[in-house]
């Protein structure tokens, strides 16, 4: 995701004329590779994340955390949550 944000930021900076990026050209033999590099890295990252199972693991961890929080909330509502001192 960050690679896409960087790529879009470079394009906006070029179009708006901000900083040294404003001088980059859009020609094939010029600086086009500098605009395309972040998007290529984003594609490579997504392929790696899907192939290695990283994306699925993160999604499962998020579901497990929600399940645990929901279970704790239900136990607390039933009065079976962690013991509280009555002092």
C-alpha atoms as a PDB file:
ATOM      1  CA  UNK A   1       0.000   0.000   0.000  1.00  0.00           C
ATOM      2  CA  UNK A   2       2.787   2.404   0.859  1.00  0.00           C
ATOM      3  CA  UNK A   3       4.417   1.872  -2.529  1.00  0.00           C
ATOM      4  CA  UNK A   4       1.198   2.938  -4.258  1.00  0.00           C
ATOM      5  CA  UNK A   5       0.959   6.037  -2.046  1.00  0.00           C
ATOM      6  CA  UNK A   6       4.562   6.956  -2.896  1.00  0.00           C
ATOM      7  CA  UNK A   7       3.911   6.452  -6.622  1.00  0.00           C
ATOM      8  CA  UNK A   8       0.812   8.627  -6.561  1.00  0.00           C
ATOM      9  CA  UNK A   9       2.654  11.274  -4.528  1.00  0.00           C
ATOM     10  CA  UNK A  10       5.443  11.371  -7.126  1.00  0.00           C
ATOM     11  CA  UNK A  11       2.901  11.828  -9.914  1.00  0.00           C
ATOM     12  CA  UNK A  12       1.077  14.601  -8.047  1.00  0.00           C
ATOM     13  CA  UNK A  13       4.347  16.360  -7.282  1.00  0.00           C
ATOM     14  CA  UNK A  14       5.319  16.206 -10.950  1.00  0.00           C
ATOM     15  CA  UNK A  15       1.990  17.503 -12.196  1.00  0.00           C
ATOM     16  CA  UNK A  16       1.879  20.258  -9.543  1.00  0.00           C
ATOM     17  CA  UNK A  17       5.490  21.239 -10.201  1.00  0.00           C
ATOM     18  CA  UNK A  18       6.730  20.627  -6.669  1.00  0.00           C
ATOM     19  CA  UNK A  19      10.416  20.002  -5.933  1.00  0.00           C
ATOM     20  CA  UNK A  20      12.937  18.195  -8.117  1.00  0.00           C
ATOM     21  CA  UNK A  21      10.249  15.747  -9.221  1.00  0.00           C
ATOM     22  CA  UNK A  22       8.747  18.553 -11.309  1.00  0.00           C
ATOM     23  CA  UNK A  23      11.676  18.298 -13.723  1.00  0.00           C
ATOM     24  CA  UNK A  24      11.236  14.577 -14.430  1.00  0.00           C
ATOM     25  CA  UNK A  25       9.999  13.723 -17.923  1.00  0.00           C
ATOM     26  CA  UNK A  26       7.358  11.217 -18.966  1.00  0.00           C
ATOM     27  CA  UNK A  27       9.363   9.921 -21.943  1.00  0.00           C
ATOM     28  CA  UNK A  28      10.319   6.255 -22.323  1.00  0.00           C
ATOM     29  CA  UNK A  29      14.007   7.113 -22.489  1.00  0.00           C
ATOM     30  CA  UNK A  30      13.756   9.688 -19.681  1.00  0.00           C
ATOM     31  CA  UNK A  31      12.527   9.412 -16.112  1.00  0.00           C
ATOM     32  CA  UNK A  32       9.429   7.283 -16.666  1.00  0.00           C
ATOM     33  CA  UNK A  33      11.016   4.420 -14.733  1.00  0.00           C
ATOM     34  CA  UNK A  34      11.100   6.622 -11.621  1.00  0.00           C
ATOM     35  CA  UNK A  35       7.319   6.974 -11.783  1.00  0.00           C
ATOM     36  CA  UNK A  36       6.718   3.281 -12.481  1.00  0.00           C
ATOM     37  CA  UNK A  37       9.162   1.834  -9.926  1.00  0.00           C
ATOM     38  CA  UNK A  38       6.913   2.225  -6.826  1.00  0.00           C
ATOM     39  CA  UNK A  39       4.000   0.576  -8.652  1.00  0.00           C
ATOM     40  CA  UNK A  40       6.226  -2.315  -9.754  1.00  0.00           C
ATOM     41  CA  UNK A  41       7.414  -2.759  -6.174  1.00  0.00           C
ATOM     42  CA  UNK A  42       3.792  -2.772  -4.987  1.00  0.00           C
ATOM     43  CA  UNK A  43       2.927  -5.553  -7.450  1.00  0.00           C
ATOM     44  CA  UNK A  44       5.989  -7.565  -6.358  1.00  0.00           C
ATOM     45  CA  UNK A  45       5.024  -7.075  -2.702  1.00  0.00           C
ATOM     46  CA  UNK A  46       1.448  -8.257  -3.310  1.00  0.00           C
ATOM     47  CA  UNK A  47       2.639 -11.343  -5.194  1.00  0.00           C
ATOM     48  CA  UNK A  48       5.043 -12.215  -2.380  1.00  0.00           C
ATOM     49  CA  UNK A  49       2.488 -11.567   0.376  1.00  0.00           C
ATOM     50  CA  UNK A  50      -0.104 -13.789  -1.293  1.00  0.00           C
ATOM     51  CA  UNK A  51       2.343 -16.551  -2.238  1.00  0.00           C
ATOM     52  CA  UNK A  52       3.914 -16.746   1.232  1.00  0.00           C
ATOM     53  CA  UNK A  53       0.570 -16.764   3.056  1.00  0.00           C
ATOM     54  CA  UNK A  54       1.394 -13.556   4.935  1.00  0.00           C
ATOM     55  CA  UNK A  55      -1.888 -11.914   3.940  1.00  0.00           C
ATOM     56  CA  UNK A  56      -3.962 -14.888   5.093  1.00  0.00           C
ATOM     57  CA  UNK A  57      -2.086 -15.116   8.404  1.00  0.00           C
ATOM     58  CA  UNK A  58      -2.719 -11.436   9.130  1.00  0.00           C
ATOM     59  CA  UNK A  59      -6.417 -11.839   8.310  1.00  0.00           C
ATOM     60  CA  UNK A  60      -6.662 -14.875  10.603  1.00  0.00           C
ATOM     61  CA  UNK A  61      -4.918 -13.017  13.439  1.00  0.00           C
ATOM     62  CA  UNK A  62      -7.416 -10.174  13.099  1.00  0.00           C
ATOM     63  CA  UNK A  63     -10.370 -12.583  13.214  1.00  0.00           C
ATOM     64  CA  UNK A  64      -8.898 -14.379  16.242  1.00  0.00           C
ATOM     65  CA  UNK A  65      -8.425 -11.079  18.080  1.00  0.00           C
ATOM     66  CA  UNK A  66     -12.042 -10.088  17.405  1.00  0.00           C
ATOM     67  CA  UNK A  67     -13.234 -13.517  18.533  1.00  0.00           C
ATOM     68  CA  UNK A  68     -11.227 -13.262  21.771  1.00  0.00           C
ATOM     69  CA  UNK A  69     -12.519  -9.764  22.501  1.00  0.00           C
ATOM     70  CA  UNK A  70     -16.102 -10.860  21.854  1.00  0.00           C
ATOM     71  CA  UNK A  71     -15.653 -13.890  24.137  1.00  0.00           C
ATOM     72  CA  UNK A  72     -14.180 -11.762  26.935  1.00  0.00           C
ATOM     73  CA  UNK A  73     -17.041  -9.281  26.624  1.00  0.00           C
ATOM     74  CA  UNK A  74     -19.625 -12.083  26.815  1.00  0.00           C
ATOM     75  CA  UNK A  75     -17.954 -13.667  29.867  1.00  0.00           C
ATOM     76  CA  UNK A  76     -17.807 -10.298  31.585  1.00  0.00           C
ATOM     77  CA  UNK A  77     -21.509  -9.717  30.837  1.00  0.00           C
ATOM     78  CA  UNK A  78     -22.303 -13.087  32.439  1.00  0.00           C
ATOM     79  CA  UNK A  79     -20.246 -12.193  35.502  1.00  0.00           C
ATOM     80  CA  UNK A  80     -17.694 -14.888  34.745  1.00  0.00           C
ATOM     81  CA  UNK A  81     -14.917 -12.523  33.678  1.00  0.00           C
ATOM     82  CA  UNK A  82     -11.706 -11.853  35.561  1.00  0.00           C
ATOM     83  CA  UNK A  83     -12.100 -11.710  39.316  1.00  0.00           C
ATOM     84  CA  UNK A  84     -12.401  -8.188  40.688  1.00  0.00           C
ATOM     85  CA  UNK A  85     -11.404  -7.348  44.229  1.00  0.00           C
ATOM     86  CA  UNK A  86     -14.279  -6.051  46.355  1.00  0.00           C
ATOM     87  CA  UNK A  87     -12.215  -3.661  48.467  1.00  0.00           C
END
